[in-house]
N, C-alpha and C. Protein backbone atom coordinates (compact mmCIF):
# COMPACT_ATOMS: atom_id res chain seq x y z
N UNK A 1 -28.33 -47.35 -20.54
CA UNK A 1 -27.22 -48.61 -20.13
C UNK A 1 -26.26 -49.34 -21.07
N UNK A 2 -25.22 -49.41 -20.35
CA UNK A 2 -23.86 -49.90 -21.55
C UNK A 2 -23.37 -51.24 -21.19
N UNK A 3 -23.36 -52.37 -22.06
CA UNK A 3 -23.13 -53.58 -21.94
C UNK A 3 -21.82 -53.71 -21.77
N UNK A 4 -21.83 -54.76 -20.95
CA UNK A 4 -20.13 -55.22 -20.70
C UNK A 4 -19.30 -55.90 -21.66
N UNK A 5 -17.85 -56.02 -21.73
CA UNK A 5 -17.51 -56.91 -22.97
C UNK A 5 -17.71 -58.33 -23.09
N UNK A 6 -17.98 -58.38 -21.79
CA UNK A 6 -18.50 -60.24 -21.73
C UNK A 6 -20.21 -60.42 -21.89
N UNK A 7 -20.67 -59.31 -21.96
CA UNK A 7 -22.15 -59.31 -22.46
C UNK A 7 -22.06 -59.40 -24.12
N UNK A 8 -21.03 -58.50 -24.67
CA UNK A 8 -21.13 -58.45 -25.77
C UNK A 8 -20.64 -59.95 -26.35
N UNK A 9 -19.95 -60.56 -25.77
CA UNK A 9 -19.07 -61.92 -26.40
C UNK A 9 -19.92 -62.78 -26.31
N UNK A 10 -20.94 -62.50 -25.16
CA UNK A 10 -21.87 -63.97 -25.01
C UNK A 10 -22.90 -64.00 -26.29
N UNK A 11 -23.33 -62.66 -26.33
CA UNK A 11 -24.63 -62.37 -27.87
C UNK A 11 -23.70 -62.63 -28.87
N UNK A 12 -22.28 -62.53 -29.09
CA UNK A 12 -22.40 -62.58 -30.61
C UNK A 12 -22.22 -64.15 -30.55
N UNK A 13 -21.57 -65.10 -29.40
CA UNK A 13 -21.31 -66.36 -29.27
C UNK A 13 -22.86 -67.16 -29.89
N UNK A 14 -23.75 -66.53 -29.08
CA UNK A 14 -25.46 -67.01 -29.42
C UNK A 14 -25.74 -67.03 -30.52
N UNK A 15 -25.45 -65.56 -31.44
CA UNK A 15 -25.75 -65.78 -32.70
C UNK A 15 -24.62 -66.46 -33.61
N UNK A 16 -23.55 -66.46 -33.37
CA UNK A 16 -23.05 -67.50 -34.23
C UNK A 16 -23.45 -69.09 -34.27
N UNK A 17 -23.52 -69.39 -32.82
CA UNK A 17 -24.05 -70.88 -32.76
C UNK A 17 -25.64 -70.85 -33.40
N UNK A 18 -26.09 -70.00 -33.07
CA UNK A 18 -27.54 -70.19 -33.61
C UNK A 18 -27.65 -70.60 -35.36
N UNK A 19 -26.69 -69.42 -36.11
CA UNK A 19 -26.59 -69.54 -37.87
C UNK A 19 -25.63 -70.40 -37.98
N UNK A 20 -25.10 -71.38 -37.32
CA UNK A 20 -24.44 -72.52 -37.04
C UNK A 20 -25.45 -73.61 -37.34
N UNK A 21 -26.48 -73.33 -35.99
CA UNK A 21 -27.32 -74.28 -36.19
C UNK A 21 -28.40 -75.06 -37.17
N UNK A 22 -28.67 -73.50 -37.91
CA UNK A 22 -29.89 -73.20 -38.87
C UNK A 22 -28.88 -73.95 -39.93
N UNK A 23 -28.01 -73.43 -40.27
CA UNK A 23 -27.13 -73.48 -41.53
C UNK A 23 -26.68 -75.07 -41.81
N UNK A 24 -26.59 -75.65 -40.77
CA UNK A 24 -26.39 -77.26 -40.73
C UNK A 24 -28.02 -78.09 -40.70
N UNK A 25 -29.09 -77.22 -40.43
CA UNK A 25 -30.23 -77.96 -40.70
C UNK A 25 -30.42 -78.29 -41.80
N UNK A 26 -29.90 -76.93 -42.35
CA UNK A 26 -31.15 -76.45 -43.49
C UNK A 26 -30.00 -77.48 -44.71
N UNK A 27 -28.22 -77.37 -45.19
CA UNK A 27 -27.66 -78.18 -45.70
C UNK A 27 -28.17 -79.57 -45.34
N UNK A 28 -27.95 -80.43 -44.28
CA UNK A 28 -28.18 -81.59 -44.09
C UNK A 28 -30.19 -81.97 -44.58
N UNK A 29 -30.86 -81.48 -44.65
CA UNK A 29 -32.25 -81.65 -45.44
C UNK A 29 -31.89 -81.48 -46.43
N UNK A 30 -30.93 -80.38 -47.42
CA UNK A 30 -31.29 -80.28 -48.60
C UNK A 30 -30.76 -81.64 -49.27
N UNK A 31 -29.76 -82.33 -48.51
CA UNK A 31 -28.92 -82.92 -49.16
C UNK A 31 -29.63 -84.38 -48.94
N UNK A 32 -30.60 -84.75 -48.05
CA UNK A 32 -31.21 -85.98 -48.09
C UNK A 32 -32.51 -85.95 -49.48
N UNK A 33 -32.85 -85.24 -50.00
CA UNK A 33 -34.00 -85.51 -50.65
C UNK A 33 -33.78 -84.18 -52.04
N UNK A 34 -34.10 -85.05 -53.17
CA UNK A 34 -34.30 -86.42 -53.40
C UNK A 34 -32.83 -86.69 -54.06
N UNK A 35 -32.60 -88.00 -54.36
CA UNK A 35 -31.29 -88.45 -55.21
C UNK A 35 -31.48 -88.53 -56.55
N UNK A 36 -31.00 -87.83 -57.31
CA UNK A 36 -31.45 -87.75 -58.78
C UNK A 36 -30.61 -88.58 -59.30
N UNK A 37 -31.25 -90.26 -59.61
CA UNK A 37 -30.73 -90.91 -60.23
C UNK A 37 -30.38 -91.29 -61.76
N UNK A 38 -31.43 -90.46 -62.73
CA UNK A 38 -31.31 -90.23 -63.91
C UNK A 38 -32.28 -89.48 -64.97
N UNK A 39 -31.77 -89.31 -65.87
CA UNK A 39 -32.40 -88.22 -66.76
C UNK A 39 -32.33 -87.69 -67.82
N UNK A 40 -33.39 -88.41 -68.87
CA UNK A 40 -32.93 -88.61 -70.17
C UNK A 40 -33.83 -88.19 -71.24
N UNK A 41 -33.66 -88.02 -72.41
CA UNK A 41 -34.34 -87.19 -73.48
C UNK A 41 -34.61 -88.19 -74.59
N UNK A 42 -35.85 -88.29 -75.14
CA UNK A 42 -35.89 -89.50 -76.28
C UNK A 42 -36.59 -88.84 -77.48
N UNK A 43 -36.22 -88.61 -78.47
CA UNK A 43 -37.28 -87.93 -79.34
C UNK A 43 -38.05 -89.45 -80.22
N UNK A 44 -39.49 -88.94 -80.02
CA UNK A 44 -40.62 -89.78 -80.16
C UNK A 44 -40.95 -89.45 -82.09
N UNK A 45 -41.53 -88.33 -82.22
CA UNK A 45 -41.59 -87.41 -83.83
C UNK A 45 -41.33 -86.42 -83.50
N UNK A 46 -41.59 -85.97 -84.61
CA UNK A 46 -40.76 -84.53 -84.82
C UNK A 46 -41.46 -83.83 -84.43
N UNK A 47 -41.28 -82.41 -83.68
CA UNK A 47 -41.37 -81.95 -82.41
C UNK A 47 -42.27 -82.27 -81.14
N UNK A 48 -41.63 -83.75 -81.17
CA UNK A 48 -42.44 -84.50 -80.14
C UNK A 48 -41.37 -85.46 -79.08
N UNK A 49 -40.75 -84.90 -77.72
CA UNK A 49 -39.79 -85.84 -77.23
C UNK A 49 -40.51 -86.06 -75.70
N UNK A 50 -39.83 -87.18 -75.12
CA UNK A 50 -40.16 -87.54 -73.80
C UNK A 50 -39.26 -87.57 -73.21
N UNK A 51 -39.76 -86.76 -72.04
CA UNK A 51 -38.45 -86.69 -70.73
C UNK A 51 -38.26 -87.93 -69.99
N UNK A 52 -37.54 -88.73 -69.48
CA UNK A 52 -37.71 -89.48 -68.50
C UNK A 52 -36.46 -89.47 -67.19
N UNK A 53 -37.30 -89.62 -66.33
CA UNK A 53 -36.12 -89.64 -65.14
C UNK A 53 -36.52 -90.49 -63.89
N UNK A 54 -35.58 -90.88 -63.09
CA UNK A 54 -35.88 -91.23 -61.40
C UNK A 54 -35.13 -90.98 -60.38
N UNK A 55 -35.52 -90.86 -59.20
CA UNK A 55 -35.02 -90.59 -57.95
C UNK A 55 -35.58 -91.56 -56.78
N UNK A 56 -34.51 -91.13 -56.44
CA UNK A 56 -34.60 -92.06 -54.84
C UNK A 56 -34.49 -91.36 -53.82
N UNK A 57 -35.07 -91.71 -52.82
CA UNK A 57 -34.52 -90.46 -51.55
C UNK A 57 -35.71 -90.24 -51.42
N UNK A 58 -36.90 -90.05 -51.89
CA UNK A 58 -38.47 -88.91 -51.60
C UNK A 58 -38.75 -88.82 -50.62
N UNK A 59 -37.74 -88.22 -49.75
CA UNK A 59 -38.55 -87.46 -48.21
C UNK A 59 -39.23 -86.42 -48.30
N UNK A 60 -40.20 -86.57 -48.00
CA UNK A 60 -41.24 -85.33 -48.26
C UNK A 60 -41.74 -84.81 -49.17
N UNK A 61 -41.20 -85.11 -50.28
CA UNK A 61 -41.17 -84.79 -51.81
C UNK A 61 -42.95 -84.60 -52.08
N UNK A 62 -42.74 -83.27 -52.31
CA UNK A 62 -44.13 -83.10 -53.12
C UNK A 62 -44.53 -82.91 -54.93
N UNK A 63 -43.72 -82.72 -55.50
CA UNK A 63 -43.86 -82.37 -56.91
C UNK A 63 -42.42 -82.24 -57.84
N UNK A 64 -42.87 -82.15 -59.35
CA UNK A 64 -41.93 -82.16 -59.92
C UNK A 64 -42.24 -81.10 -60.98
N UNK A 65 -41.84 -80.12 -61.48
CA UNK A 65 -42.06 -79.22 -62.26
C UNK A 65 -41.15 -79.41 -63.66
N UNK A 66 -41.73 -79.45 -64.86
CA UNK A 66 -40.70 -79.34 -65.88
C UNK A 66 -40.88 -78.20 -66.82
N UNK A 67 -39.96 -77.52 -66.75
CA UNK A 67 -39.21 -76.25 -67.35
C UNK A 67 -38.58 -76.42 -68.75
N UNK A 68 -38.60 -75.59 -69.55
CA UNK A 68 -38.11 -75.35 -70.45
C UNK A 68 -37.53 -74.15 -71.12
N UNK A 69 -36.19 -73.76 -71.52
CA UNK A 69 -36.22 -72.35 -71.80
C UNK A 69 -35.24 -72.46 -73.51
N UNK A 70 -35.13 -71.36 -74.09
CA UNK A 70 -34.57 -71.24 -75.65
C UNK A 70 -33.15 -70.54 -75.57
N UNK A 71 -32.92 -70.04 -74.48
CA UNK A 71 -32.35 -68.64 -73.84
C UNK A 71 -31.13 -69.04 -72.98
N UNK A 72 -31.62 -70.03 -72.01
CA UNK A 72 -31.17 -70.23 -70.48
C UNK A 72 -30.99 -69.14 -69.40
N UNK A 73 -32.02 -68.60 -69.94
CA UNK A 73 -32.81 -67.29 -69.00
C UNK A 73 -33.77 -67.11 -68.63
N UNK A 74 -34.84 -67.20 -69.44
CA UNK A 74 -36.43 -67.25 -69.33
C UNK A 74 -36.72 -68.81 -69.32
N UNK A 75 -37.17 -69.34 -68.49
CA UNK A 75 -37.37 -70.65 -68.36
C UNK A 75 -39.41 -70.54 -68.22
N UNK A 76 -39.97 -71.72 -69.14
CA UNK A 76 -41.24 -71.56 -68.99
C UNK A 76 -41.54 -72.96 -68.42
N UNK A 77 -42.66 -72.77 -67.66
CA UNK A 77 -43.32 -74.39 -67.14
C UNK A 77 -44.06 -75.17 -68.34
N UNK A 78 -43.43 -76.25 -68.39
CA UNK A 78 -44.52 -76.90 -69.42
C UNK A 78 -45.46 -77.88 -68.97
N UNK A 79 -44.88 -78.78 -67.97
CA UNK A 79 -46.07 -79.44 -66.99
C UNK A 79 -45.59 -79.51 -65.24
N UNK A 80 -46.31 -80.34 -65.11
CA UNK A 80 -45.72 -80.41 -63.09
C UNK A 80 -46.67 -82.11 -62.96
N UNK A 81 -45.83 -82.88 -62.45
CA UNK A 81 -46.47 -83.95 -61.88
C UNK A 81 -45.99 -84.10 -60.37
N UNK A 82 -47.15 -84.75 -59.72
CA UNK A 82 -47.09 -84.95 -58.42
C UNK A 82 -46.22 -86.25 -58.12
N UNK A 83 -45.87 -86.26 -56.64
CA UNK A 83 -45.12 -87.65 -56.08
C UNK A 83 -45.99 -88.65 -55.92
N UNK A 84 -45.07 -89.93 -56.72
CA UNK A 84 -45.80 -90.81 -56.85
C UNK A 84 -45.54 -91.89 -55.37
N UNK A 85 -44.62 -91.67 -54.90
CA UNK A 85 -44.25 -92.66 -53.69
C UNK A 85 -43.52 -92.27 -52.69
N UNK A 86 -43.49 -92.24 -51.37
CA UNK A 86 -42.86 -91.67 -50.52
C UNK A 86 -41.45 -92.38 -50.04
N UNK A 87 -40.48 -91.85 -49.94
CA UNK A 87 -39.42 -92.62 -49.61
C UNK A 87 -38.59 -93.67 -50.59
N UNK A 88 -38.89 -93.91 -51.66
CA UNK A 88 -38.58 -94.51 -52.88
C UNK A 88 -38.19 -94.50 -53.79
N UNK A 89 -37.21 -95.55 -54.24
CA UNK A 89 -36.83 -95.27 -56.11
C UNK A 89 -38.82 -95.08 -56.57
N UNK A 90 -38.51 -94.05 -57.40
CA UNK A 90 -39.65 -93.56 -58.62
C UNK A 90 -39.27 -93.44 -59.74
N UNK A 91 -40.04 -93.81 -60.94
CA UNK A 91 -40.05 -93.16 -62.03
C UNK A 91 -40.58 -92.15 -62.76
N UNK A 92 -40.36 -91.02 -63.46
CA UNK A 92 -41.66 -90.33 -64.13
C UNK A 92 -41.11 -90.15 -65.57
N UNK A 93 -41.96 -89.58 -66.14
CA UNK A 93 -41.76 -89.06 -67.57
C UNK A 93 -42.91 -88.04 -67.97
N UNK A 94 -42.47 -87.06 -69.19
CA UNK A 94 -43.47 -86.54 -69.46
C UNK A 94 -43.04 -86.14 -71.18
N UNK A 95 -44.40 -85.81 -71.65
CA UNK A 95 -44.06 -85.48 -72.97
C UNK A 95 -44.38 -84.25 -73.65
N UNK A 96 -43.05 -83.55 -74.60
CA UNK A 96 -43.48 -82.27 -74.50
C UNK A 96 -43.95 -82.40 -76.14
N UNK A 97 -44.97 -82.13 -76.76
CA UNK A 97 -45.52 -81.24 -77.89
C UNK A 97 -45.17 -80.33 -78.66
N UNK A 98 -44.33 -79.65 -78.32
CA UNK A 98 -44.70 -78.34 -78.62
C UNK A 98 -42.97 -77.49 -78.63
N UNK A 99 -41.72 -78.45 -78.83
CA UNK A 99 -40.85 -78.10 -79.06
C UNK A 99 -40.50 -76.74 -79.83
N UNK A 100 -39.35 -75.90 -79.48
CA UNK A 100 -39.26 -74.95 -80.00
C UNK A 100 -37.94 -75.10 -81.30
N UNK A 101 -38.25 -74.36 -82.29
CA UNK A 101 -36.85 -74.64 -83.37
C UNK A 101 -35.62 -74.02 -82.51
N UNK A 102 -34.91 -74.76 -83.11
CA UNK A 102 -33.20 -74.69 -82.74
C UNK A 102 -33.64 -75.04 -80.99
N UNK A 103 -32.44 -74.60 -80.04
CA UNK A 103 -31.83 -75.28 -78.97
C UNK A 103 -33.43 -75.53 -77.39
N UNK A 104 -33.57 -75.99 -77.45
CA UNK A 104 -34.07 -76.41 -76.18
C UNK A 104 -33.72 -77.03 -75.10
N UNK A 105 -33.83 -76.24 -74.43
CA UNK A 105 -32.93 -76.51 -72.92
C UNK A 105 -34.00 -77.40 -71.81
N UNK A 106 -33.98 -78.22 -71.03
CA UNK A 106 -35.04 -78.63 -70.00
C UNK A 106 -34.26 -78.79 -68.66
N UNK A 107 -34.99 -78.55 -67.39
CA UNK A 107 -34.64 -78.97 -66.31
C UNK A 107 -35.82 -79.35 -65.07
N UNK A 108 -35.54 -80.56 -64.78
CA UNK A 108 -36.29 -80.64 -63.77
C UNK A 108 -36.39 -79.49 -62.30
N UNK A 109 -37.51 -79.09 -61.42
CA UNK A 109 -37.58 -79.03 -60.11
C UNK A 109 -38.35 -79.58 -59.33
N UNK A 110 -38.01 -79.99 -58.72
CA UNK A 110 -38.03 -80.90 -57.03
C UNK A 110 -38.41 -80.26 -56.15
N UNK A 111 -39.86 -79.92 -55.70
CA UNK A 111 -40.22 -79.29 -54.41
C UNK A 111 -40.59 -80.33 -53.45
N UNK A 112 -40.66 -80.07 -52.29
CA UNK A 112 -40.59 -81.24 -50.91
C UNK A 112 -41.76 -80.39 -50.76
N UNK A 113 -42.48 -80.31 -48.99
CA UNK A 113 -43.34 -80.12 -48.39
C UNK A 113 -43.68 -78.73 -47.46
N UNK A 114 -42.23 -78.68 -47.61
CA UNK A 114 -41.36 -77.76 -46.99
C UNK A 114 -41.33 -76.41 -47.52
N UNK A 115 -41.04 -76.44 -49.21
CA UNK A 115 -40.93 -75.46 -49.85
C UNK A 115 -39.40 -75.63 -50.72
N UNK A 116 -38.66 -76.60 -49.89
CA UNK A 116 -37.07 -76.63 -50.61
C UNK A 116 -36.91 -77.25 -51.72
N UNK A 117 -36.31 -76.57 -52.76
CA UNK A 117 -36.07 -76.57 -54.01
C UNK A 117 -34.99 -77.53 -54.38
N UNK A 118 -34.73 -78.21 -55.31
CA UNK A 118 -33.86 -79.02 -56.14
C UNK A 118 -33.60 -78.73 -57.44
N UNK A 119 -32.45 -79.12 -58.25
CA UNK A 119 -33.02 -78.93 -59.94
C UNK A 119 -32.16 -80.24 -60.39
N UNK A 120 -32.66 -81.09 -61.37
CA UNK A 120 -32.25 -82.09 -61.90
C UNK A 120 -30.70 -81.47 -62.99
N UNK A 121 -29.92 -82.21 -63.64
CA UNK A 121 -28.97 -81.92 -64.63
C UNK A 121 -29.54 -80.76 -65.85
N UNK A 122 -28.78 -80.32 -66.55
CA UNK A 122 -29.46 -79.46 -67.20
C UNK A 122 -29.42 -80.11 -68.78
N UNK A 123 -30.71 -80.69 -69.46
CA UNK A 123 -30.58 -81.66 -70.87
C UNK A 123 -31.05 -80.57 -72.06
N UNK A 124 -30.26 -80.32 -72.77
CA UNK A 124 -30.44 -79.71 -74.31
C UNK A 124 -30.90 -80.91 -74.98
N UNK A 125 -31.84 -80.51 -76.04
CA UNK A 125 -32.15 -80.92 -77.64
C UNK A 125 -32.56 -80.08 -78.48
N UNK A 126 -31.54 -80.21 -79.63
CA UNK A 126 -31.73 -79.36 -80.46
C UNK A 126 -32.52 -79.82 -81.77
N UNK A 127 -33.88 -79.18 -81.82
CA UNK A 127 -34.92 -79.20 -82.96
C UNK A 127 -34.54 -79.24 -84.07
N UNK A 128 -33.05 -78.67 -84.38
CA UNK A 128 -32.81 -78.16 -85.94
C UNK A 128 -32.39 -79.91 -85.99
N UNK A 129 -31.54 -80.58 -85.38
CA UNK A 129 -30.45 -81.34 -85.93
C UNK A 129 -31.33 -83.15 -85.24
N UNK A 130 -32.29 -82.36 -84.83
CA UNK A 130 -32.95 -83.73 -83.60
C UNK A 130 -32.54 -84.71 -82.98
N UNK A 131 -31.93 -83.86 -82.34
CA UNK A 131 -30.77 -84.70 -81.58
C UNK A 131 -30.50 -84.44 -80.12
N UNK A 132 -29.88 -84.88 -78.95
CA UNK A 132 -29.16 -84.23 -77.92
C UNK A 132 -28.20 -83.43 -77.93
N UNK A 133 -28.42 -82.56 -77.69
CA UNK A 133 -26.75 -81.70 -78.31
C UNK A 133 -25.98 -81.71 -76.76
N UNK A 134 -25.99 -81.84 -75.65
CA UNK A 134 -25.01 -81.94 -74.41
C UNK A 134 -25.83 -81.82 -73.02
N UNK A 135 -25.38 -81.90 -71.95
CA UNK A 135 -25.88 -82.05 -70.59
C UNK A 135 -24.68 -81.27 -70.07
N UNK A 136 -25.61 -80.68 -68.87
CA UNK A 136 -24.60 -80.13 -67.97
C UNK A 136 -25.02 -79.98 -66.41
């Protein structure tokens, strides 16, 4: 059975429209939750730092996973915190008591109830000089 050109064009339009709708929905949803409002690192004692962050617009938020790396390639999960409030501003903190020598790269992974993921900015703590190195 041979399809006509008009049938092929109709199918192509349907596929293109479907992809546009799916892309628009995913993009809109990803922009709504959460809005990262702050992320900082403070040294407590030798080899101990506290990470603090706050977010707004936590629609359908599930949890935050704290990740650390020494090489920006391999990320270790060092903690996880459940969502505190739905749809409003909330502040969180986590204490890392097991820093590595040299550079310690941190990021926070946010996950919502549908499995969508977003990341905080990258923070770097230099344990050799005991200072915040830079952020990206």
